[in-house]
Protein backbone atom coordinates (compact mmCIF):
# COMPACT_ATOMS: atom_id res chain seq x y z
CA MET A 1 135.98 110.67 110.63
CA PRO A 2 136.81 114.33 109.65
CA VAL A 3 135.53 117.18 111.64
CA LEU A 4 133.83 119.52 109.46
CA SER A 5 133.22 123.31 109.74
CA GLU A 6 129.75 124.46 110.62
CA ARG A 7 129.28 126.09 107.36
CA ALA A 8 130.19 122.83 105.70
CA LEU A 9 127.59 120.92 107.68
CA LEU A 10 125.02 123.55 106.97
CA VAL A 11 125.72 123.17 103.10
CA ALA A 12 125.65 119.35 103.42
CA ASN A 13 122.31 119.63 105.11
CA ALA A 14 120.97 121.69 102.24
CA LEU A 15 122.45 119.50 99.57
CA VAL A 16 120.75 116.01 101.12
CA SER A 17 117.28 117.99 100.99
CA SER A 18 117.23 117.46 97.05
CA PRO A 19 117.67 114.20 95.35
CA ALA A 20 119.56 115.72 92.51
CA GLY A 21 121.58 118.04 94.83
CA PHE A 22 121.98 121.72 93.98
CA ARG A 23 123.72 123.92 91.54
CA ARG A 24 126.20 126.02 93.05
CA MET A 25 124.34 129.38 92.43
CA GLU A 26 121.13 127.65 94.05
CA LEU A 27 122.87 126.93 97.46
CA ARG A 28 122.59 130.70 98.19
CA ALA A 29 118.92 130.56 98.19
CA ALA A 30 118.89 127.24 99.95
CA THR A 31 121.32 128.26 102.85
CA GLY A 32 121.05 131.83 103.09
CA LEU A 33 125.00 131.85 102.88
CA SER A 34 126.92 134.37 101.02
CA GLY A 35 128.81 133.35 97.84
CA PRO A 36 132.29 133.15 99.38
CA THR A 37 130.88 131.16 102.34
CA ILE A 38 129.53 128.73 100.24
CA GLN A 39 132.76 128.24 98.14
CA ARG A 40 134.58 127.92 101.35
CA ALA A 41 132.07 125.23 102.83
CA LEU A 42 132.25 123.44 99.44
CA ALA A 43 136.09 123.31 99.70
CA ASP A 44 135.77 121.96 103.37
CA LEU A 45 133.41 119.00 101.99
CA ARG A 46 135.79 118.48 99.00
CA ALA A 47 138.78 118.04 101.19
CA ALA A 48 136.94 115.48 103.47
CA GLY A 49 135.91 113.70 100.48
CA TRP A 50 132.25 114.26 100.89
CA LEU A 51 131.55 115.88 97.67
CA GLU A 52 130.56 114.83 94.17
CA GLU A 53 130.73 117.41 91.27
CA LYS A 54 129.70 116.94 87.92
CA ALA A 55 131.41 120.17 86.08
CA SER A 56 130.90 121.47 82.73
CA GLU A 57 133.50 123.22 80.87
CA GLN A 58 130.83 125.43 79.21
CA SER A 59 129.05 126.25 82.38
CA PRO A 60 131.04 125.31 85.57
CA VAL A 61 128.64 127.50 87.60
CA GLY A 62 125.63 125.39 86.50
CA ALA A 63 127.18 122.20 87.70
CA HIS A 64 125.07 119.97 90.17
CA VAL A 65 126.98 119.18 93.32
CA ARG A 66 125.87 116.17 95.53
CA LEU A 67 127.27 114.28 98.49
CA GLY A 68 129.15 111.16 97.83
CA ARG A 69 129.60 107.79 99.61
CA GLU A 70 131.82 109.38 102.30
CA ALA A 71 128.84 111.37 103.77
CA GLY A 72 127.38 107.94 104.63
CA VAL A 73 124.24 105.76 103.42
CA ILE A 74 120.72 105.41 104.58
CA ALA A 75 118.65 102.51 104.96
CA ALA A 76 114.74 102.14 104.45
CA VAL A 77 112.50 99.26 105.79
CA ASP A 78 108.85 98.68 105.04
CA VAL A 79 107.19 96.31 107.49
CA GLY A 80 103.74 95.36 106.38
CA ARG A 81 101.39 93.03 108.07
CA ARG A 82 102.48 90.13 105.67
CA HIS A 83 106.09 91.32 104.59
CA VAL A 84 109.36 93.05 105.39
CA ARG A 85 111.22 94.93 102.60
CA SER A 86 114.74 96.73 102.96
CA GLN A 87 116.80 98.71 100.77
CA LEU A 88 120.15 100.78 101.13
CA ALA A 89 120.41 104.18 99.34
CA ASP A 90 122.71 107.00 99.17
CA VAL A 91 122.00 110.18 101.29
CA HIS A 92 120.27 111.70 98.37
CA GLY A 93 117.68 108.61 98.24
CA ARG A 94 119.03 106.96 95.24
CA PRO A 95 118.84 103.09 95.62
CA LEU A 96 122.29 101.42 95.67
CA HIS A 97 120.56 98.20 94.42
CA ASP A 98 118.04 97.50 91.97
CA GLU A 99 115.52 95.26 93.85
CA PRO A 100 114.60 95.52 97.52
CA VAL A 101 115.39 92.57 99.81
CA GLU A 102 112.07 91.03 100.68
CA ALA A 103 111.02 88.66 103.48
CA GLY A 104 107.32 87.34 102.82
CA ALA A 105 105.15 84.86 104.53
CA ILE A 106 105.21 86.63 107.72
CA ASP A 107 102.44 87.78 110.18
CA VAL A 108 102.99 90.57 112.34
CA ASP A 109 100.07 89.98 114.67
CA GLU A 110 101.10 86.53 115.34
CA GLU A 111 105.00 86.84 115.34
CA GLY A 112 105.09 90.08 117.48
CA MET A 113 108.42 91.45 118.26
CA ALA A 114 110.19 88.51 116.49
CA VAL A 115 109.76 90.27 113.31
CA LEU A 116 112.48 92.57 114.16
CA ALA A 117 114.72 89.61 113.76
CA THR A 118 113.63 89.61 110.22
CA VAL A 119 114.14 93.57 109.80
CA ARG A 120 117.65 93.03 110.96
CA GLN A 121 118.48 90.30 108.44
CA THR A 122 116.89 92.02 105.58
CA LEU A 123 119.15 95.00 106.37
CA LEU A 124 122.25 93.01 106.55
CA THR A 125 121.23 91.45 103.26
CA ALA A 126 120.53 94.85 101.65
CA LEU A 127 124.22 95.70 102.46
CA GLN A 128 125.37 92.69 100.68
CA ARG A 129 123.13 93.48 97.68
CA ALA A 130 124.54 97.15 97.55
CA SER A 131 128.04 95.90 97.71
CA GLU A 132 127.32 93.54 94.80
CA ALA A 133 125.70 96.08 92.70
CA GLN A 134 128.27 98.81 93.25
CA GLY A 135 131.21 96.58 93.15
CA GLU A 136 132.92 97.56 96.56
CA PRO A 137 131.85 96.46 99.96
CA TYR A 138 129.42 98.54 102.12
CA THR A 139 129.71 98.01 105.89
CA LEU A 140 127.28 98.67 108.81
CA SER A 141 129.23 101.64 110.08
CA GLU A 142 128.42 103.49 106.88
CA ILE A 143 124.84 103.67 107.69
CA ARG A 144 123.69 107.20 109.09
CA CYS A 145 119.97 106.69 109.33
CA VAL A 146 117.52 103.63 109.28
CA ALA A 147 113.91 104.67 108.64
CA VAL A 148 111.39 102.11 109.33
CA GLY A 149 107.64 102.14 108.40
CA VAL A 150 105.56 99.64 110.69
CA PRO A 151 101.81 98.77 110.36
CA ALA A 152 100.87 100.64 113.82
CA PRO A 153 100.77 104.26 114.95
CA VAL A 154 104.04 105.26 116.38
CA GLN A 155 104.58 108.07 119.35
CA SER A 156 107.21 110.71 119.09
CA THR A 157 109.48 108.57 121.44
CA GLY A 158 109.76 105.73 118.75
CA SER A 159 107.36 103.50 120.87
CA ILE A 160 104.43 102.05 119.29
CA ALA A 161 101.17 103.40 120.56
CA ASP A 162 98.86 101.42 122.58
CA LEU A 163 96.47 99.10 120.82
CA SER A 164 94.18 96.64 122.03
CA LEU A 165 95.58 92.99 121.89
CA SER A 166 98.70 94.10 120.16
CA GLU A 167 102.18 92.51 121.14
CA TRP A 168 103.68 95.86 119.65
CA SER A 169 101.75 98.09 122.14
CA GLY A 170 104.12 100.46 123.89
CA LYS A 171 107.45 98.55 122.55
CA PRO A 172 110.39 100.94 121.96
CA VAL A 173 110.86 99.74 118.48
CA ARG A 174 113.46 102.23 117.58
CA HIS A 175 115.47 101.31 120.76
CA LEU A 176 115.12 97.74 119.89
CA ILE A 177 116.14 97.89 116.37
CA HIS A 178 119.32 99.97 117.57
CA ARG A 179 120.08 97.13 120.06
CA ALA A 180 119.68 94.33 117.56
CA LEU A 181 122.23 96.20 115.16
CA ALA A 182 124.48 96.83 117.84
CA ALA A 183 124.43 93.24 119.02
CA HIS A 184 125.41 92.10 115.44
CA ALA A 185 128.22 94.62 115.03
CA GLU A 186 129.59 93.37 118.56
CA THR A 187 129.56 89.73 117.27
CA THR A 188 131.09 90.60 113.89
CA GLY A 189 133.71 93.02 115.29
CA GLU A 190 132.01 95.91 113.29
CA THR A 191 131.09 99.26 114.71
CA LEU A 192 127.70 101.28 114.29
CA HIS A 193 128.18 104.92 112.86
CA PRO A 194 128.45 107.19 115.87
CA HIS A 195 125.73 109.34 114.90
CA LEU A 196 123.38 106.57 113.81
CA GLU A 197 119.78 107.75 113.85
CA ILE A 198 116.76 105.27 113.71
CA VAL A 199 113.40 106.66 113.02
CA VAL A 200 110.12 104.81 113.01
CA ALA A 201 106.77 105.95 111.45
CA LYS A 202 103.48 104.09 110.75
CA ASP A 203 103.37 102.50 107.01
CA ALA A 204 100.68 105.06 105.90
CA GLU A 205 102.86 108.00 106.99
CA VAL A 206 105.90 106.74 104.82
CA GLY A 207 103.46 106.15 102.12
CA ALA A 208 102.06 109.68 102.30
CA LEU A 209 105.77 110.90 102.11
CA ALA A 210 106.50 109.11 98.95
CA THR A 211 103.28 110.50 97.44
CA TRP A 212 104.02 114.08 98.58
CA ARG A 213 107.56 113.70 97.00
CA GLU A 214 105.95 112.54 93.75
CA TYR A 215 103.63 115.63 93.74
CA HIS A 216 106.54 117.93 94.50
CA ASP A 217 108.84 116.55 91.92
CA GLN A 218 106.07 116.74 89.21
CA THR A 219 105.49 120.31 90.03
CA SER A 220 109.25 121.07 89.85
CA SER A 221 109.50 119.26 86.52
CA ASN A 222 106.31 120.72 85.10
CA ASP A 223 107.42 124.32 85.63
CA GLY A 224 110.68 123.55 83.87
CA GLY A 225 112.71 125.00 86.68
CA SER A 226 111.61 128.51 86.07
CA ARG A 227 110.52 129.17 89.68
CA GLY A 228 112.86 129.03 92.74
CA THR A 229 112.95 126.12 95.15
CA LYS A 230 111.12 128.30 97.76
CA ASP A 231 108.11 128.99 95.50
CA ARG A 232 107.88 125.56 94.37
CA ASP A 233 107.86 124.34 98.15
CA THR A 234 105.28 126.86 98.95
CA SER A 235 102.71 126.09 96.01
CA GLU A 236 103.04 122.33 96.63
CA ARG A 237 103.04 122.25 100.46
CA ALA A 238 99.93 124.40 100.54
CA SER A 239 97.77 121.46 99.62
CA GLY A 240 96.93 118.95 101.83
CA LEU A 241 97.44 115.17 101.01
CA LEU A 242 95.60 112.30 102.56
CA PHE A 243 97.28 108.89 101.80
CA VAL A 244 95.01 105.95 102.44
CA LYS A 245 96.51 102.40 102.62
CA ALA A 246 93.91 99.81 102.01
CA SER A 247 95.54 96.32 102.25
CA HIS A 248 95.28 93.50 104.97
CA GLY A 249 94.41 96.51 107.41
CA ILE A 250 93.34 100.14 106.81
CA ASP A 251 94.98 103.15 107.63
CA ALA A 252 95.74 106.78 106.56
CA ALA A 253 98.12 109.61 107.11
CA PHE A 254 97.72 113.38 106.43
CA ILE A 255 100.41 115.91 105.18
CA HIS A 256 99.75 119.48 105.60
CA ARG A 257 102.26 122.23 103.90
CA GLY A 258 104.68 119.18 103.35
CA GLU A 259 104.76 117.93 106.90
CA LEU A 260 103.09 114.81 108.35
CA VAL A 261 100.33 115.49 110.97
CA SER A 262 100.79 112.66 113.55
CA GLY A 263 99.10 113.85 116.62
CA HIS A 264 99.62 113.78 120.27
CA ARG A 265 100.27 110.12 120.49
CA GLY A 266 100.93 109.17 116.89
CA MET A 267 97.19 108.32 116.33
CA ALA A 268 96.18 111.01 113.81
CA ALA A 269 94.22 109.84 110.72
CA GLN A 270 93.50 106.44 112.13
CA LEU A 271 90.98 105.89 109.37
CA GLY A 272 90.67 102.21 109.74
CA HIS A 273 88.93 102.68 113.25
CA MET A 274 86.37 105.04 112.22
CA TRP A 275 82.63 104.20 112.62
CA VAL A 276 81.09 103.18 109.18
CA PRO A 277 78.07 105.16 109.16
CA ALA A 278 74.75 102.92 109.23
CA GLN A 279 72.84 105.66 107.46
CA PHE A 280 74.79 105.07 104.13
CA ASP A 281 73.88 101.53 103.80
CA GLU A 282 71.20 102.59 101.27
CA PHE A 283 74.22 102.63 98.96
CA LEU A 284 74.28 98.93 99.19
CA GLU A 285 70.81 97.86 98.78
CA ASP A 286 71.41 96.21 95.41
CA PHE A 287 73.68 93.59 97.06
CA PRO A 288 73.20 90.46 98.63
CA VAL A 289 72.53 90.80 102.32
CA ARG A 290 74.98 88.05 103.28
CA LEU A 291 77.82 90.17 101.85
CA ARG A 292 76.85 93.50 103.57
CA GLU A 293 76.09 92.40 107.08
CA ALA A 294 78.33 93.42 110.04
CA PRO A 295 80.92 90.72 110.74
CA PRO A 296 80.19 88.33 113.67
CA THR A 297 83.33 89.19 115.72
CA LYS A 298 84.69 92.50 116.80
CA CYS A 299 87.94 94.09 115.67
CA LEU A 300 90.79 93.13 117.48
CA ARG A 301 92.34 96.50 117.85
CA CYS A 302 89.57 98.89 118.53
CA GLY A 303 87.00 96.55 119.84
CA ARG A 304 83.95 97.64 117.48
CA ARG A 305 82.07 95.54 114.91
CA ALA A 306 81.44 98.42 112.64
CA CYS A 307 84.92 100.12 112.25
CA LEU A 308 86.12 100.29 108.76
CA GLU A 309 88.89 97.82 109.26
CA ASN A 310 86.53 95.35 110.59
CA MET A 311 83.99 95.78 107.65
CA ALA A 312 86.36 96.60 104.52
CA SER A 313 89.83 95.77 104.89
CA GLY A 314 91.47 92.98 102.79
CA ALA A 315 91.53 90.65 105.76
CA ALA A 316 87.83 91.44 106.52
CA GLN A 317 87.03 90.39 102.90
CA LEU A 318 88.71 87.17 102.92
CA ARG A 319 87.06 86.28 106.24
CA LEU A 320 83.62 87.35 104.67
CA LEU A 321 84.30 85.22 101.45
CA GLU A 322 85.14 82.18 103.80
CA ARG A 323 81.96 82.36 105.56
CA VAL A 324 79.67 82.72 102.35
CA ARG A 325 81.51 80.20 100.17
CA GLU A 326 81.45 76.41 100.82
CA SER A 327 84.54 75.94 98.81
CA GLY A 328 87.03 78.03 96.47
CA ALA A 329 87.55 80.90 98.68
CA PRO A 330 90.76 82.95 97.92
CA GLN A 331 93.34 82.19 100.44
CA THR A 332 95.35 85.60 100.06
CA LEU A 333 94.55 88.99 99.49
CA ARG A 334 96.51 89.09 96.15
CA GLU A 335 94.85 85.90 95.04
CA MET A 336 91.48 87.50 95.47
CA VAL A 337 92.58 90.82 93.60
CA ALA A 338 94.05 88.65 90.90
CA GLN A 339 90.87 86.51 90.27
CA ILE A 340 88.84 89.73 90.22
CA ASN A 341 91.21 91.32 87.62
CA ASP A 342 91.27 88.26 85.37
CA ASP A 343 87.87 87.00 85.29
CA PRO A 344 85.27 89.29 87.34
CA ALA A 345 82.33 87.29 86.10
CA ALA A 346 83.69 83.87 87.42
CA HIS A 347 84.49 85.48 90.81
CA ALA A 348 81.57 87.51 91.29
CA LEU A 349 81.32 87.22 95.02
CA SER A 350 84.78 88.41 95.51
CA ARG A 351 84.12 91.32 93.07
CA GLN A 352 80.73 92.33 94.93
CA ALA A 353 82.72 91.99 98.32
CA LEU A 354 85.30 94.37 97.17
CA ILE A 355 82.67 96.88 95.69
CA ILE A 356 80.95 96.83 98.99
CA ALA A 357 84.32 97.79 100.76
CA SER A 358 85.18 100.29 98.35
CA ILE A 359 81.82 102.16 99.13
CA ARG A 360 82.34 101.75 102.66
CA LEU A 361 85.92 103.12 102.24
CA GLY A 362 84.72 106.16 100.04
CA VAL A 363 82.00 107.05 102.67
CA VAL A 364 84.60 106.97 105.56
CA ILE A 365 86.97 109.13 103.58
CA ALA A 366 84.41 111.57 102.88
CA GLU A 367 83.58 111.74 106.61
CA ALA A 368 87.32 112.37 107.37
CA SER A 369 87.72 114.75 104.68
CA ARG A 370 85.19 117.11 106.19
CA VAL A 371 87.81 117.57 108.94
CA LEU A 372 91.00 117.52 107.05
CA ASP A 373 89.81 118.96 103.77
CA PRO A 374 92.53 117.45 101.72
CA SER A 375 92.91 118.54 98.05
CA HIS A 376 94.54 115.34 97.08
CA ILE A 377 93.63 111.79 98.19
CA LYS A 378 95.92 108.66 97.08
CA VAL A 379 94.81 105.24 97.71
CA GLY A 380 97.65 102.52 98.07
CA GLY A 381 97.89 99.09 99.34
CA ILE A 382 97.11 95.70 97.85
CA LEU A 383 93.48 96.70 97.06
CA ALA A 384 94.50 99.51 94.93
CA SER A 385 95.89 96.89 92.29
CA ALA A 386 92.02 96.21 91.50
CA GLY A 387 92.09 99.54 89.71
CA ASP A 388 88.52 100.74 88.78
CA THR A 389 86.87 97.86 90.47
CA LEU A 390 88.01 99.65 93.79
CA MET A 391 88.26 103.22 92.63
CA ALA A 392 85.11 103.89 90.63
CA PRO A 393 82.64 103.09 93.50
CA LEU A 394 84.91 104.68 96.08
CA ARG A 395 84.75 107.92 94.06
CA THR A 396 81.02 107.52 93.69
CA ALA A 397 80.44 106.99 97.28
CA PHE A 398 82.99 109.98 98.20
CA ALA A 399 81.01 112.26 95.89
CA ARG A 400 77.68 111.44 97.29
CA SER A 401 78.88 111.75 100.88
CA THR A 402 80.44 115.16 100.78
CA ILE A 403 79.11 118.34 101.87
CA GLY A 404 79.28 121.74 100.45
CA GLY A 405 80.52 121.00 97.02
CA GLN A 406 83.85 119.63 98.74
CA GLN A 407 86.03 118.13 96.19
CA ALA A 408 89.37 116.51 96.01
CA GLU A 409 91.54 114.78 93.48
CA ILE A 410 91.26 110.96 94.26
CA THR A 411 93.72 108.71 92.55
CA ALA A 412 95.39 105.25 93.14
CA VAL A 413 98.86 104.37 93.45
CA GLY A 414 100.01 102.93 90.00
CA SER A 415 100.15 98.88 90.01
CA HIS A 416 103.84 99.00 89.21
CA ARG A 417 104.54 101.28 92.46
CA ILE A 418 102.02 99.49 94.92
CA ASP A 419 104.73 97.19 96.47
CA ARG A 420 107.32 99.73 96.86
CA VAL A 421 105.70 103.04 97.61
CA GLU A 422 106.15 102.70 101.44
CA LEU A 423 109.62 101.72 101.01
CA ASP A 424 110.51 104.90 98.92
CA GLY A 425 108.56 106.78 101.66
CA ALA A 426 110.92 105.33 104.11
CA ILE A 427 113.72 106.48 102.11
CA GLU A 428 112.14 110.09 102.07
CA LEU A 429 111.72 109.73 105.79
CA ALA A 430 115.45 109.10 106.35
CA ARG A 431 116.48 111.89 104.08
CA ARG A 432 114.31 114.11 106.14
CA THR A 433 115.86 112.94 109.44
CA LEU A 434 119.38 113.37 108.34
CA ASP A 435 121.11 116.24 110.09
CA PHE A 436 125.00 116.59 109.66
CA ALA A 437 124.95 119.33 112.36
CA ARG A 438 125.15 116.49 114.83
CA ASP A 439 128.61 115.70 113.62
CA ARG A 440 129.71 118.90 115.63
CA VAL A 441 128.63 117.43 118.88
CA GLY A 442 130.72 115.06 120.66
CA VAL A 443 130.07 111.28 120.00
CA THR A 444 127.28 110.51 122.55
CA ALA A 445 124.56 107.85 122.97
CA PRO A 446 122.07 108.19 119.95
CA ALA A 447 118.98 110.15 120.76
CA HIS A 448 116.82 106.97 120.34
CA ALA A 449 118.85 105.23 123.04
CA ARG A 450 118.36 108.18 125.47
CA ASP A 451 114.48 108.39 124.84
CA ASP A 452 113.79 104.84 125.66
């Protein structure tokens, strides 16, 4: 492995911060280095084989400079309550194979830590898919960073925050994933990258990162590149973004000035376990009592009957429909949403249950917004694929529950993006985690292994 100069590693860090790379002239603003120093840094990177340049004979100074394969690759993993998805990408975040590797038909609550074996297998399969797509083999040793989104809050150490009755509580997931990959490498005679970093965040947080990146890229595109990178970052990051994942469970994450707000123990924006205010039941008076009653059992995570997740999540709706219907209740959340979208009249109970859930969701989002005051609210998760059946009553409930003229742009993740927004967010998290300056330090135990 080449030992690069400090200036080269600083430029490499700047390059990876942009999916498209930078023009040479833009690197001065991004790094604060002088023109000659940047030229020497690029020469160092070129000599190490790290650089990709698309020069133009008409304007070589305007050519984009990116990092190539020799700089390494990143891996992203999305662990949902019912699925695991993995994808390999270059260090700029460009996927190296078209479709993510997916393992469905899992249950995180029931399988507990056994799901990590599925994580490892999907990562190894993603390496194979990348090799097939690119026409050359990719190896485990090329992965510099693995970013994993999980359906639980994560502490700064990479361990899962304590949750009632959860097999994941307190587990050092970051360390366990590293150990699983190291064991596989030892079995096959491979090696891990000496500076491999594994970072873990809750799934709503990676969804928020993907949404923020989309807003940021749209801002950059809409201004036609007339403003500098710093100006674009400042204007976009000034806005607060609340991402809500409404699926089998309910969770949220908040981004302020471009940075995740995770809290002291990773428990920030735990929207799913906020109390559903009883005084807003007046919004539900037109619905059958049997559909709006609090469930008979308490939430397994927080121990409340009236938390949002226990009353409005996809899992809660499936349990409700099983109680009130003698037969024909949907067996999966996707089936329920598909029935509502295809023939809402024939599945009136399912539609009403979803509308009640969306009203409760809108009320609780409004309560949270009094504290967070976001300018943008994005709703993802499987429930978002119900479109206006979810979003119209949610917006109405939000508007009726806010105070002081509070406003926010509330939109849903597009149906074509719902199944991969968290995966894209994990790619973004991996890009943010990369720090080539570590290459100047001797090969030591990775940070995640030391912490745990």
